[in-house]
């Protein structure tokens, strides 16, 4: 399984950072909450990083500490924030460090059903032998209860309210009933079980959580990265990791990434580096989008030209990454490149400005 995961397009955190997790487990002498693979101190080191452990996410250590305390208690954790603020990454890292696996995941959507949250049936076996454990198709939540692990529920507010409320009794009673099974039909939560859900603030009100369900969660807000230097370093680090995984030796020039990160931050915040006002985009130009665009720029340069990416590539990528829902966003990007980028010094900024004709009309 590990070998297969290593060769996948996106290895899970427990595979990607297996050496660090193993080293932390060997040296971990601190008390662990019931069912946890590592102590809270070791989990914090794994996520935040130090001189021996890589930094994997940029967020306040206090947020990690509050999240861990919640997961060790009888309340579930809900991470909320703008899209692209690494909520899913944080939930993945926490699940990998606490449970040893981050792949027990439910993806919320308008099509998510209660069967996908709880359990379903192999209908061939069901018709042949009736309700039985062999005919049962267990969900990630079911397995997390049995095994005492963390289950992740992505984009919970994308699910219909009646589906969300299927979690009420599970989170309250810490058990799942399977009334169709004869005899022993209760699945009790093993030590270590809990749930991390994510919800983005752009979806607030789409399927509002009931007050009863909200009471079973502790809410933590994940904010965009405040520091320019930290955001730039994260983009550089993530793009280098992704390219290395693909076997691509080239890396985007630091000047190209500086143009990219500066552009994303200014269009996101509506303020330039000098404090002047800029038209903000209606869509989210997040750090995750910046990583994706930087990765695309590097791939374009490597495979089509044999270089590491050029500022002009950013212009073409911006149209797809930032102008998704509102046609006015494309006009704002064009005005930004024409007026703001055109006044900045440096060869890379001038190349960025000169490529403005590549934006769709």
Foldseek 3Di string as FASTA:
>chain_A
DLVVLLLDLDRFPCSVCVVLLVVQLVPAPDDPQWQFSGRLVSLLCQACHDPVHDHDADDDSVLSVVQVVQLSDLFAAEEEEAPQLCLLVVQRSNQCRGNVGSPLEAEAAQPDALCQVAWDFQVVVCVVPNDDPVGIGGHSLLVCQQNQGEYEYEANQNYAQVSSCSCLCCSVVQWDADVRDPDPGIRHGHHNYHYYYYHYPVSDPVHHHDPSSVVRYDYDYRYADPDLVVLLVNLQVLLVVSCVSVVHPAAADSVLSSVLSQVLVCLCPQAHPVGDGAPHAPGHSGSNLSSVQRNVQQVCCCPPPNHRGALLSSLLSCCVSGVDDDPVNLVSVLCCLQPVLCPDDDPRSVRNSVSSVNRDD
